[in-house]
Amino acid sequence: MAAGSSGQPNLRKAIATIKDSTLVGIAKVNSEYKDLSISILKATNHVEVLPKEKHVRTILGALSGSRPRADVSYCIHALTKRLAKTHTWVVALKTLIVIHRALREVDHSFCVEMISHNKSRGHLVNLLHFKDDSTPSAWDYSNWIRAYALYIEECLECYRVIKYDFHRDYSRTKRFDTSSLLEHLPALQQLLFRLLACQPVGAARYNFIIQYTLSIVAAESVRLYVAITDGVLNLIDKFFEMQRRDAVRALDIYRRSSEQAQELSAFFEMCHSLGFGLRQKYVKIDQPPASFLKSMEEYVKEAPQTLMLPW
């Protein structure tokens, strides 16, 4: 029994290698997009290493806004099909890494195209029910993958709402008016909620591919938090002149930002405990005085209500 059990991982790896080779062979013969198909398969194969950079570069090039839309659509379809059909954690994770990198490194047209595909075909990065139970470690990896996929989905939803990339223009919330702040800040806070859920547990804490993805997520958290904080400070400047309806919404945003600041501090501590990001300058998070929150709550009680005209 012991010998048979110890041989199972090797057997699984052998089968995975055969699958990869077979799919690449089919792509060489049948695909109209032969080179791109091969790059996608090789970047997301079963080998437990990061996606090879030369294959990722080929994929990112195919997703550029300068390429024909048919090429971009084919690439999105191939990646999401790969994601939907796999039951292997390493294939799912490497595919998510490629999609995530595309969101960050390709121009905004890719994000728009993904949102369009989501509308017509449902959520393309939906891995809510993904599970690889081949080993106890794979189970832990699956938990991380589901959280990471939800974060990527939320990146798309956030872009759909705010219609700009906060990574490239994270100070924009400083310039928003009240209505824009009340619309955009909840979307940014929901994205931070999904980001904070990306905390590996068990064996996932020590997997180097997961640590790589976590380092990307942690780096993104800094600009996301700055965008939220700048927006909240802008909102506070306008708060004591708001009608009651807007003030209630603004108070909810303020409360949530305070809670998330504490959670983000714990998230940074978790990153440090895993031994990476030690040189990363994370933002210092200070809590506002309780007296200020009380002042906001008192204002809401007395704030003028919007005048409703009779018809």
C-alpha atoms as a PDB file:
ATOM      1  CA  MET A   1       0.000   0.000   0.000  1.00  0.00           C
ATOM      2  CA  ALA A   2       2.771   2.424   0.930  1.00  0.00           C
ATOM      3  CA  ALA A   3       4.590   1.827  -2.327  1.00  0.00           C
ATOM      4  CA  GLY A   4       1.404   2.308  -4.325  1.00  0.00           C
ATOM      5  CA  SER A   5       0.581   5.528  -2.494  1.00  0.00           C
ATOM      6  CA  SER A   6       4.042   6.969  -3.006  1.00  0.00           C
ATOM      7  CA  GLY A   7       3.826   6.216  -6.710  1.00  0.00           C
ATOM      8  CA  GLN A   8       0.534   8.070  -7.215  1.00  0.00           C
ATOM      9  CA  PRO A   9       2.036  11.589  -7.466  1.00  0.00           C
ATOM     10  CA  ASN A  10       4.508  10.386 -10.092  1.00  0.00           C
ATOM     11  CA  LEU A  11       1.693   8.719 -12.018  1.00  0.00           C
ATOM     12  CA  ARG A  12      -0.383  11.912 -11.920  1.00  0.00           C
ATOM     13  CA  LYS A  13       2.573  13.941 -13.178  1.00  0.00           C
ATOM     14  CA  ALA A  14       3.148  11.475 -16.000  1.00  0.00           C
ATOM     15  CA  ILE A  15      -0.517  11.656 -17.033  1.00  0.00           C
ATOM     16  CA  ALA A  16      -0.423  15.471 -16.856  1.00  0.00           C
ATOM     17  CA  THR A  17       2.675  15.571 -19.066  1.00  0.00           C
ATOM     18  CA  ILE A  18       0.935  13.359 -21.619  1.00  0.00           C
ATOM     19  CA  LYS A  19      -2.125  15.647 -21.553  1.00  0.00           C
ATOM     20  CA  ASP A  20       0.017  18.730 -22.141  1.00  0.00           C
ATOM     21  CA  SER A  21       1.920  17.088 -25.000  1.00  0.00           C
ATOM     22  CA  THR A  22      -1.289  15.830 -26.612  1.00  0.00           C
ATOM     23  CA  LEU A  23      -2.995  19.238 -26.494  1.00  0.00           C
ATOM     24  CA  VAL A  24       0.070  20.973 -27.921  1.00  0.00           C
ATOM     25  CA  GLY A  25       0.210  18.380 -30.700  1.00  0.00           C
ATOM     26  CA  ILE A  26      -3.451  18.963 -31.558  1.00  0.00           C
ATOM     27  CA  ALA A  27      -2.905  22.740 -31.574  1.00  0.00           C
ATOM     28  CA  LYS A  28      -0.018  22.379 -34.015  1.00  0.00           C
ATOM     29  CA  VAL A  29      -2.225  20.541 -36.484  1.00  0.00           C
ATOM     30  CA  ASN A  30      -5.681  22.034 -36.158  1.00  0.00           C
ATOM     31  CA  SER A  31      -5.624  25.585 -34.828  1.00  0.00           C
ATOM     32  CA  GLU A  32      -5.975  28.655 -37.030  1.00  0.00           C
ATOM     33  CA  TYR A  33      -4.109  30.465 -34.242  1.00  0.00           C
ATOM     34  CA  LYS A  34      -1.453  27.803 -33.917  1.00  0.00           C
ATOM     35  CA  ASP A  35       1.329  29.812 -32.270  1.00  0.00           C
ATOM     36  CA  LEU A  36      -1.023  31.546 -29.856  1.00  0.00           C
ATOM     37  CA  SER A  37      -2.736  28.286 -28.903  1.00  0.00           C
ATOM     38  CA  ILE A  38       0.605  26.652 -28.200  1.00  0.00           C
ATOM     39  CA  SER A  39       1.709  29.604 -26.051  1.00  0.00           C
ATOM     40  CA  ILE A  40      -1.508  29.445 -24.011  1.00  0.00           C
ATOM     41  CA  LEU A  41      -1.136  25.706 -23.450  1.00  0.00           C
ATOM     42  CA  LYS A  42       2.528  25.976 -22.520  1.00  0.00           C
ATOM     43  CA  ALA A  43       2.032  28.978 -20.239  1.00  0.00           C
ATOM     44  CA  THR A  44      -0.708  27.127 -18.346  1.00  0.00           C
ATOM     45  CA  ASN A  45       0.661  23.592 -18.364  1.00  0.00           C
ATOM     46  CA  HIS A  46       0.821  21.171 -15.425  1.00  0.00           C
ATOM     47  CA  VAL A  47       4.437  21.908 -14.500  1.00  0.00           C
ATOM     48  CA  GLU A  48       4.606  23.488 -11.034  1.00  0.00           C
ATOM     49  CA  VAL A  49       6.545  26.596 -12.048  1.00  0.00           C
ATOM     50  CA  LEU A  50       5.500  30.137 -12.926  1.00  0.00           C
ATOM     51  CA  PRO A  51       4.191  30.646 -16.486  1.00  0.00           C
ATOM     52  CA  LYS A  52       7.161  30.956 -18.818  1.00  0.00           C
ATOM     53  CA  GLU A  53       7.710  34.612 -19.669  1.00  0.00           C
ATOM     54  CA  LYS A  54       8.123  34.177 -23.432  1.00  0.00           C
ATOM     55  CA  HIS A  55       4.718  32.477 -23.645  1.00  0.00           C
ATOM     56  CA  VAL A  56       3.096  35.128 -21.442  1.00  0.00           C
ATOM     57  CA  ARG A  57       4.548  37.848 -23.701  1.00  0.00           C
ATOM     58  CA  THR A  58       3.008  36.171 -26.759  1.00  0.00           C
ATOM     59  CA  ILE A  59      -0.390  36.085 -25.045  1.00  0.00           C
ATOM     60  CA  LEU A  60      -0.226  39.697 -23.862  1.00  0.00           C
ATOM     61  CA  GLY A  61       0.736  40.784 -27.365  1.00  0.00           C
ATOM     62  CA  ALA A  62      -2.317  38.994 -28.775  1.00  0.00           C
ATOM     63  CA  LEU A  63      -4.573  40.833 -26.305  1.00  0.00           C
ATOM     64  CA  SER A  64      -3.324  44.303 -27.228  1.00  0.00           C
ATOM     65  CA  GLY A  65      -5.851  46.866 -28.412  1.00  0.00           C
ATOM     66  CA  SER A  66      -3.907  47.173 -31.664  1.00  0.00           C
ATOM     67  CA  ARG A  67      -4.747  43.579 -32.613  1.00  0.00           C
ATOM     68  CA  PRO A  68      -7.902  42.610 -34.544  1.00  0.00           C
ATOM     69  CA  ARG A  69     -10.872  42.034 -32.270  1.00  0.00           C
ATOM     70  CA  ALA A  70     -11.198  38.457 -33.544  1.00  0.00           C
ATOM     71  CA  ASP A  71      -7.691  37.711 -32.256  1.00  0.00           C
ATOM     72  CA  VAL A  72      -8.489  39.167 -28.835  1.00  0.00           C
ATOM     73  CA  SER A  73     -11.779  37.257 -28.648  1.00  0.00           C
ATOM     74  CA  TYR A  74     -10.062  34.011 -29.584  1.00  0.00           C
ATOM     75  CA  CYS A  75      -7.433  34.511 -26.892  1.00  0.00           C
ATOM     76  CA  ILE A  76     -10.024  35.302 -24.202  1.00  0.00           C
ATOM     77  CA  HIS A  77     -12.080  32.289 -25.259  1.00  0.00           C
ATOM     78  CA  ALA A  78      -9.046  29.994 -25.155  1.00  0.00           C
ATOM     79  CA  LEU A  79      -7.959  31.201 -21.705  1.00  0.00           C
ATOM     80  CA  THR A  80     -11.407  31.016 -20.134  1.00  0.00           C
ATOM     81  CA  LYS A  81     -12.070  27.623 -21.726  1.00  0.00           C
ATOM     82  CA  ARG A  82      -8.800  26.384 -20.243  1.00  0.00           C
ATOM     83  CA  LEU A  83      -9.933  27.704 -16.868  1.00  0.00           C
ATOM     84  CA  ALA A  84     -13.417  26.207 -17.070  1.00  0.00           C
ATOM     85  CA  LYS A  85     -12.320  22.714 -18.104  1.00  0.00           C
ATOM     86  CA  THR A  86      -9.443  22.096 -15.718  1.00  0.00           C
ATOM     87  CA  HIS A  87      -9.678  20.334 -12.360  1.00  0.00           C
ATOM     88  CA  THR A  88      -5.975  20.754 -11.651  1.00  0.00           C
ATOM     89  CA  TRP A  89      -4.897  23.530  -9.301  1.00  0.00           C
ATOM     90  CA  VAL A  90      -1.664  24.416 -11.102  1.00  0.00           C
ATOM     91  CA  VAL A  91      -3.393  24.860 -14.484  1.00  0.00           C
ATOM     92  CA  ALA A  92      -6.135  26.998 -12.924  1.00  0.00           C
ATOM     93  CA  LEU A  93      -3.664  29.154 -11.005  1.00  0.00           C
ATOM     94  CA  LYS A  94      -1.327  29.714 -13.950  1.00  0.00           C
ATOM     95  CA  THR A  95      -4.283  30.678 -16.149  1.00  0.00           C
ATOM     96  CA  LEU A  96      -5.460  33.181 -13.533  1.00  0.00           C
ATOM     97  CA  ILE A  97      -1.950  34.638 -13.348  1.00  0.00           C
ATOM     98  CA  VAL A  98      -1.941  35.207 -17.115  1.00  0.00           C
ATOM     99  CA  ILE A  99      -5.376  36.879 -17.000  1.00  0.00           C
ATOM    100  CA  HIS A 100      -4.369  39.016 -14.020  1.00  0.00           C
ATOM    101  CA  ARG A 101      -1.175  40.136 -15.698  1.00  0.00           C
ATOM    102  CA  ALA A 102      -3.156  41.023 -18.817  1.00  0.00           C
ATOM    103  CA  LEU A 103      -5.466  43.221 -16.739  1.00  0.00           C
ATOM    104  CA  ARG A 104      -2.441  45.054 -15.337  1.00  0.00           C
ATOM    105  CA  GLU A 105      -0.115  45.152 -18.344  1.00  0.00           C
ATOM    106  CA  VAL A 106      -2.350  45.376 -21.430  1.00  0.00           C
ATOM    107  CA  ASP A 107      -4.209  48.591 -22.264  1.00  0.00           C
ATOM    108  CA  HIS A 108      -7.752  49.083 -20.960  1.00  0.00           C
ATOM    109  CA  SER A 109      -9.285  47.581 -24.120  1.00  0.00           C
ATOM    110  CA  PHE A 110      -8.671  44.087 -22.703  1.00  0.00           C
ATOM    111  CA  CYS A 111     -10.654  44.917 -19.582  1.00  0.00           C
ATOM    112  CA  VAL A 112     -13.492  46.303 -21.707  1.00  0.00           C
ATOM    113  CA  GLU A 113     -13.455  43.155 -23.855  1.00  0.00           C
ATOM    114  CA  MET A 114     -13.567  40.903 -20.781  1.00  0.00           C
ATOM    115  CA  ILE A 115     -16.526  42.850 -19.389  1.00  0.00           C
ATOM    116  CA  SER A 116     -18.294  42.521 -22.745  1.00  0.00           C
ATOM    117  CA  HIS A 117     -17.700  38.758 -22.745  1.00  0.00           C
ATOM    118  CA  ASN A 118     -18.991  38.560 -19.161  1.00  0.00           C
ATOM    119  CA  LYS A 119     -22.249  40.223 -20.225  1.00  0.00           C
ATOM    120  CA  SER A 120     -22.826  37.885 -23.139  1.00  0.00           C
ATOM    121  CA  ARG A 121     -21.485  34.604 -21.731  1.00  0.00           C
ATOM    122  CA  GLY A 122     -21.666  34.908 -17.948  1.00  0.00           C
ATOM    123  CA  HIS A 123     -18.766  35.254 -15.544  1.00  0.00           C
ATOM    124  CA  LEU A 124     -15.669  34.003 -17.349  1.00  0.00           C
ATOM    125  CA  VAL A 125     -13.494  33.689 -14.249  1.00  0.00           C
ATOM    126  CA  ASN A 126     -16.115  31.949 -12.114  1.00  0.00           C
ATOM    127  CA  LEU A 127     -14.332  29.327 -10.010  1.00  0.00           C
ATOM    128  CA  LEU A 128     -16.690  29.273  -7.029  1.00  0.00           C
ATOM    129  CA  HIS A 129     -16.974  25.495  -7.238  1.00  0.00           C
ATOM    130  CA  PHE A 130     -13.386  24.748  -8.243  1.00  0.00           C
ATOM    131  CA  LYS A 131     -11.738  21.994  -6.262  1.00  0.00           C
ATOM    132  CA  ASP A 132      -8.676  19.836  -6.713  1.00  0.00           C
ATOM    133  CA  ASP A 133      -8.808  17.136  -4.051  1.00  0.00           C
ATOM    134  CA  SER A 134      -5.992  15.017  -5.472  1.00  0.00           C
ATOM    135  CA  THR A 135      -3.878  15.748  -2.365  1.00  0.00           C
ATOM    136  CA  PRO A 136      -4.414  17.538   0.976  1.00  0.00           C
ATOM    137  CA  SER A 137      -2.146  20.352  -0.267  1.00  0.00           C
ATOM    138  CA  ALA A 138      -4.164  20.688  -3.479  1.00  0.00           C
ATOM    139  CA  TRP A 139      -7.258  21.254  -1.336  1.00  0.00           C
ATOM    140  CA  ASP A 140      -5.558  24.214   0.373  1.00  0.00           C
ATOM    141  CA  TYR A 141      -4.419  25.536  -3.012  1.00  0.00           C
ATOM    142  CA  SER A 142      -8.008  25.323  -4.269  1.00  0.00           C
ATOM    143  CA  ASN A 143      -9.226  27.580  -1.447  1.00  0.00           C
ATOM    144  CA  TRP A 144      -6.695  30.213  -2.489  1.00  0.00           C
ATOM    145  CA  ILE A 145      -7.591  29.876  -6.169  1.00  0.00           C
ATOM    146  CA  ARG A 146     -11.292  30.476  -5.487  1.00  0.00           C
ATOM    147  CA  ALA A 147     -10.493  33.645  -3.505  1.00  0.00           C
ATOM    148  CA  TYR A 148      -8.014  34.852  -6.134  1.00  0.00           C
ATOM    149  CA  ALA A 149     -10.545  34.281  -8.940  1.00  0.00           C
ATOM    150  CA  LEU A 150     -13.167  36.292  -7.041  1.00  0.00           C
ATOM    151  CA  TYR A 151     -10.668  39.130  -6.708  1.00  0.00           C
ATOM    152  CA  ILE A 152      -9.999  39.124 -10.456  1.00  0.00           C
ATOM    153  CA  GLU A 153     -13.753  39.086 -11.145  1.00  0.00           C
ATOM    154  CA  GLU A 154     -14.144  42.046  -8.801  1.00  0.00           C
ATOM    155  CA  CYS A 155     -11.383  43.907 -10.676  1.00  0.00           C
ATOM    156  CA  LEU A 156     -13.571  43.672 -13.775  1.00  0.00           C
ATOM    157  CA  GLU A 157     -16.703  44.726 -11.911  1.00  0.00           C
ATOM    158  CA  CYS A 158     -14.889  47.673 -10.328  1.00  0.00           C
ATOM    159  CA  TYR A 159     -13.678  48.851 -13.735  1.00  0.00           C
ATOM    160  CA  ARG A 160     -17.218  48.511 -15.110  1.00  0.00           C
ATOM    161  CA  VAL A 161     -18.467  50.886 -12.403  1.00  0.00           C
ATOM    162  CA  ILE A 162     -15.668  53.460 -12.175  1.00  0.00           C
ATOM    163  CA  LYS A 163     -14.560  53.263 -15.840  1.00  0.00           C
ATOM    164  CA  TYR A 164     -10.889  54.000 -15.218  1.00  0.00           C
ATOM    165  CA  ASP A 165      -7.826  52.123 -13.978  1.00  0.00           C
ATOM    166  CA  PHE A 166      -7.066  53.267 -10.445  1.00  0.00           C
ATOM    167  CA  HIS A 167      -3.591  51.719 -10.700  1.00  0.00           C
ATOM    168  CA  ARG A 168      -2.680  54.290 -13.339  1.00  0.00           C
ATOM    169  CA  ASP A 169      -4.652  57.180 -11.827  1.00  0.00           C
ATOM    170  CA  TYR A 170      -5.114  56.382  -8.155  1.00  0.00           C
ATOM    171  CA  SER A 171      -5.338  60.057  -7.144  1.00  0.00           C
ATOM    172  CA  ARG A 172      -8.431  60.708  -9.255  1.00  0.00           C
ATOM    173  CA  THR A 173     -10.747  60.310  -6.253  1.00  0.00           C
ATOM    174  CA  LYS A 174      -9.285  63.550  -4.866  1.00  0.00           C
ATOM    175  CA  ARG A 175     -11.068  65.430  -7.649  1.00  0.00           C
ATOM    176  CA  PHE A 176     -14.486  63.742  -7.591  1.00  0.00           C
ATOM    177  CA  ASP A 177     -17.722  65.497  -6.734  1.00  0.00           C
ATOM    178  CA  THR A 178     -20.107  64.047  -4.152  1.00  0.00           C
ATOM    179  CA  SER A 179     -22.198  61.939  -6.530  1.00  0.00           C
ATOM    180  CA  SER A 180     -19.102  60.348  -8.103  1.00  0.00           C
ATOM    181  CA  LEU A 181     -17.627  59.584  -4.682  1.00  0.00           C
ATOM    182  CA  LEU A 182     -20.840  57.937  -3.493  1.00  0.00           C
ATOM    183  CA  GLU A 183     -20.909  55.789  -6.625  1.00  0.00           C
ATOM    184  CA  HIS A 184     -17.234  54.885  -6.949  1.00  0.00           C
ATOM    185  CA  LEU A 185     -16.011  54.436  -3.380  1.00  0.00           C
ATOM    186  CA  PRO A 186     -18.300  51.442  -2.623  1.00  0.00           C
ATOM    187  CA  ALA A 187     -16.961  49.715  -5.760  1.00  0.00           C
ATOM    188  CA  LEU A 188     -13.364  50.319  -4.653  1.00  0.00           C
ATOM    189  CA  GLN A 189     -14.179  49.136  -1.130  1.00  0.00           C
ATOM    190  CA  GLN A 190     -15.781  45.961  -2.467  1.00  0.00           C
ATOM    191  CA  LEU A 191     -12.609  45.305  -4.450  1.00  0.00           C
ATOM    192  CA  LEU A 192     -10.554  45.739  -1.275  1.00  0.00           C
ATOM    193  CA  PHE A 193     -12.922  43.301   0.459  1.00  0.00           C
ATOM    194  CA  ARG A 194     -12.128  40.662  -2.174  1.00  0.00           C
ATOM    195  CA  LEU A 195      -8.422  41.468  -1.958  1.00  0.00           C
ATOM    196  CA  LEU A 196      -8.363  41.002   1.814  1.00  0.00           C
ATOM    197  CA  ALA A 197      -9.905  37.551   1.361  1.00  0.00           C
ATOM    198  CA  CYS A 198      -6.796  36.485  -0.594  1.00  0.00           C
ATOM    199  CA  GLN A 199      -5.025  35.064   2.438  1.00  0.00           C
ATOM    200  CA  PRO A 200      -3.506  31.609   1.958  1.00  0.00           C
ATOM    201  CA  VAL A 201      -3.961  28.994   4.663  1.00  0.00           C
ATOM    202  CA  GLY A 202      -2.329  25.644   5.333  1.00  0.00           C
ATOM    203  CA  ALA A 203      -0.025  24.386   2.604  1.00  0.00           C
ATOM    204  CA  ALA A 204      -0.962  27.339   0.381  1.00  0.00           C
ATOM    205  CA  ARG A 205       1.081  29.655   2.613  1.00  0.00           C
ATOM    206  CA  TYR A 206       4.297  27.955   1.541  1.00  0.00           C
ATOM    207  CA  ASN A 207       3.652  27.358  -2.163  1.00  0.00           C
ATOM    208  CA  PHE A 208       5.979  29.599  -4.178  1.00  0.00           C
ATOM    209  CA  ILE A 209       3.508  30.158  -7.051  1.00  0.00           C
ATOM    210  CA  ILE A 210       0.841  31.281  -4.596  1.00  0.00           C
ATOM    211  CA  GLN A 211       3.367  33.497  -2.812  1.00  0.00           C
ATOM    212  CA  TYR A 212       4.152  35.104  -6.168  1.00  0.00           C
ATOM    213  CA  THR A 213       0.478  35.875  -6.817  1.00  0.00           C
ATOM    214  CA  LEU A 214       0.049  37.116  -3.261  1.00  0.00           C
ATOM    215  CA  SER A 215       2.949  39.529  -3.760  1.00  0.00           C
ATOM    216  CA  ILE A 216       1.161  41.002  -6.808  1.00  0.00           C
ATOM    217  CA  VAL A 217      -2.086  41.331  -4.854  1.00  0.00           C
ATOM    218  CA  ALA A 218      -0.287  42.938  -1.890  1.00  0.00           C
ATOM    219  CA  ALA A 219       1.385  45.488  -4.167  1.00  0.00           C
ATOM    220  CA  GLU A 220      -1.998  46.357  -5.692  1.00  0.00           C
ATOM    221  CA  SER A 221      -3.507  46.841  -2.240  1.00  0.00           C
ATOM    222  CA  VAL A 222      -1.345  49.912  -1.632  1.00  0.00           C
ATOM    223  CA  ARG A 223      -2.682  51.960  -4.554  1.00  0.00           C
ATOM    224  CA  LEU A 224      -6.188  50.692  -3.940  1.00  0.00           C
ATOM    225  CA  TYR A 225      -6.040  51.843  -0.329  1.00  0.00           C
ATOM    226  CA  VAL A 226      -4.599  55.233  -1.349  1.00  0.00           C
ATOM    227  CA  ALA A 227      -7.426  55.671  -3.894  1.00  0.00           C
ATOM    228  CA  ILE A 228     -10.007  54.857  -1.206  1.00  0.00           C
ATOM    229  CA  THR A 229      -8.365  57.048   1.445  1.00  0.00           C
ATOM    230  CA  ASP A 230      -8.068  60.052  -0.875  1.00  0.00           C
ATOM    231  CA  GLY A 231     -11.710  59.605  -1.812  1.00  0.00           C
ATOM    232  CA  VAL A 232     -12.843  59.308   1.809  1.00  0.00           C
ATOM    233  CA  LEU A 233     -10.928  62.464   2.775  1.00  0.00           C
ATOM    234  CA  ASN A 234     -12.573  64.262  -0.144  1.00  0.00           C
ATOM    235  CA  LEU A 235     -15.944  62.940   1.018  1.00  0.00           C
ATOM    236  CA  ILE A 236     -15.321  64.172   4.573  1.00  0.00           C
ATOM    237  CA  ASP A 237     -14.572  67.661   3.251  1.00  0.00           C
ATOM    238  CA  LYS A 238     -18.052  67.702   1.714  1.00  0.00           C
ATOM    239  CA  PHE A 239     -19.834  65.755   4.473  1.00  0.00           C
ATOM    240  CA  PHE A 240     -21.134  68.544   6.701  1.00  0.00           C
ATOM    241  CA  GLU A 241     -22.884  70.213   3.765  1.00  0.00           C
ATOM    242  CA  MET A 242     -24.693  67.081   2.541  1.00  0.00           C
ATOM    243  CA  GLN A 243     -28.389  66.348   2.497  1.00  0.00           C
ATOM    244  CA  ARG A 244     -29.350  63.549   4.882  1.00  0.00           C
ATOM    245  CA  ARG A 245     -29.690  60.869   2.198  1.00  0.00           C
ATOM    246  CA  ASP A 246     -26.146  61.456   0.942  1.00  0.00           C
ATOM    247  CA  ALA A 247     -24.797  61.851   4.483  1.00  0.00           C
ATOM    248  CA  VAL A 248     -26.143  58.416   5.463  1.00  0.00           C
ATOM    249  CA  ARG A 249     -24.372  56.812   2.519  1.00  0.00           C
ATOM    250  CA  ALA A 250     -21.181  58.752   3.207  1.00  0.00           C
ATOM    251  CA  LEU A 251     -21.218  57.666   6.853  1.00  0.00           C
ATOM    252  CA  ASP A 252     -21.507  54.015   5.808  1.00  0.00           C
ATOM    253  CA  ILE A 253     -18.515  54.464   3.480  1.00  0.00           C
ATOM    254  CA  TYR A 254     -16.517  56.118   6.268  1.00  0.00           C
ATOM    255  CA  ARG A 255     -17.298  53.330   8.752  1.00  0.00           C
ATOM    256  CA  ARG A 256     -16.331  50.663   6.254  1.00  0.00           C
ATOM    257  CA  SER A 257     -13.075  52.438   5.427  1.00  0.00           C
ATOM    258  CA  SER A 258     -12.123  52.426   9.119  1.00  0.00           C
ATOM    259  CA  GLU A 259     -12.856  48.704   9.418  1.00  0.00           C
ATOM    260  CA  GLN A 260     -10.933  47.890   6.252  1.00  0.00           C
ATOM    261  CA  ALA A 261      -7.934  49.915   7.425  1.00  0.00           C
ATOM    262  CA  GLN A 262      -7.586  47.584  10.406  1.00  0.00           C
ATOM    263  CA  GLU A 263      -8.032  44.516   8.213  1.00  0.00           C
ATOM    264  CA  LEU A 264      -5.413  45.785   5.771  1.00  0.00           C
ATOM    265  CA  SER A 265      -2.906  46.260   8.595  1.00  0.00           C
ATOM    266  CA  ALA A 266      -3.439  42.602   9.528  1.00  0.00           C
ATOM    267  CA  PHE A 267      -3.040  41.642   5.864  1.00  0.00           C
ATOM    268  CA  PHE A 268       0.338  43.399   5.677  1.00  0.00           C
ATOM    269  CA  GLU A 269       1.432  41.631   8.870  1.00  0.00           C
ATOM    270  CA  MET A 270       0.500  38.310   7.271  1.00  0.00           C
ATOM    271  CA  CYS A 271       2.634  39.152   4.231  1.00  0.00           C
ATOM    272  CA  HIS A 272       5.592  39.975   6.459  1.00  0.00           C
ATOM    273  CA  SER A 273       5.114  36.741   8.416  1.00  0.00           C
ATOM    274  CA  LEU A 274       5.578  34.790   5.180  1.00  0.00           C
ATOM    275  CA  GLY A 275       8.952  36.446   4.699  1.00  0.00           C
ATOM    276  CA  PHE A 276       8.251  38.533   1.610  1.00  0.00           C
ATOM    277  CA  GLY A 277       7.559  42.195   1.181  1.00  0.00           C
ATOM    278  CA  LEU A 278      10.058  42.954   3.936  1.00  0.00           C
ATOM    279  CA  ARG A 279      11.454  45.810   1.837  1.00  0.00           C
ATOM    280  CA  GLN A 280       8.036  46.887   0.598  1.00  0.00           C
ATOM    281  CA  LYS A 281       6.969  50.248   1.997  1.00  0.00           C
ATOM    282  CA  TYR A 282       3.342  49.617   2.841  1.00  0.00           C
ATOM    283  CA  VAL A 283       1.203  52.616   3.728  1.00  0.00           C
ATOM    284  CA  LYS A 284       1.012  53.562   7.386  1.00  0.00           C
ATOM    285  CA  ILE A 285      -2.569  53.254   8.558  1.00  0.00           C
ATOM    286  CA  ASP A 286      -3.718  55.547  11.379  1.00  0.00           C
ATOM    287  CA  GLN A 287      -7.166  55.295  12.897  1.00  0.00           C
ATOM    288  CA  PRO A 288      -9.256  58.496  13.116  1.00  0.00           C
ATOM    289  CA  PRO A 289     -10.398  59.622  16.574  1.00  0.00           C
ATOM    290  CA  ALA A 290     -13.686  58.183  17.793  1.00  0.00           C
ATOM    291  CA  SER A 291     -14.923  61.715  18.466  1.00  0.00           C
ATOM    292  CA  PHE A 292     -14.930  62.480  14.745  1.00  0.00           C
ATOM    293  CA  LEU A 293     -17.191  59.517  13.980  1.00  0.00           C
ATOM    294  CA  LYS A 294     -19.534  60.689  16.724  1.00  0.00           C
ATOM    295  CA  SER A 295     -19.673  64.155  15.162  1.00  0.00           C
ATOM    296  CA  MET A 296     -20.597  62.603  11.812  1.00  0.00           C
ATOM    297  CA  GLU A 297     -23.343  60.499  13.404  1.00  0.00           C
ATOM    298  CA  GLU A 298     -24.787  63.565  15.139  1.00  0.00           C
ATOM    299  CA  TYR A 299     -24.799  65.498  11.868  1.00  0.00           C
ATOM    300  CA  VAL A 300     -26.731  62.720  10.113  1.00  0.00           C
ATOM    301  CA  LYS A 301     -29.493  63.012  12.719  1.00  0.00           C
ATOM    302  CA  GLU A 302     -29.844  66.732  12.077  1.00  0.00           C
ATOM    303  CA  ALA A 303     -28.940  66.941   8.375  1.00  0.00           C
ATOM    304  CA  PRO A 304     -31.510  68.593   6.095  1.00  0.00           C
ATOM    305  CA  GLN A 305     -33.623  66.228   4.055  1.00  0.00           C
ATOM    306  CA  THR A 306     -34.001  66.573   0.306  1.00  0.00           C
ATOM    307  CA  LEU A 307     -37.069  68.618  -0.527  1.00  0.00           C
ATOM    308  CA  MET A 308     -39.632  66.489  -2.360  1.00  0.00           C
ATOM    309  CA  LEU A 309     -41.877  68.577  -4.611  1.00  0.00           C
ATOM    310  CA  PRO A 310     -45.541  67.494  -4.816  1.00  0.00           C
ATOM    311  CA  TRP A 311     -46.868  66.634  -8.245  1.00  0.00           C
END
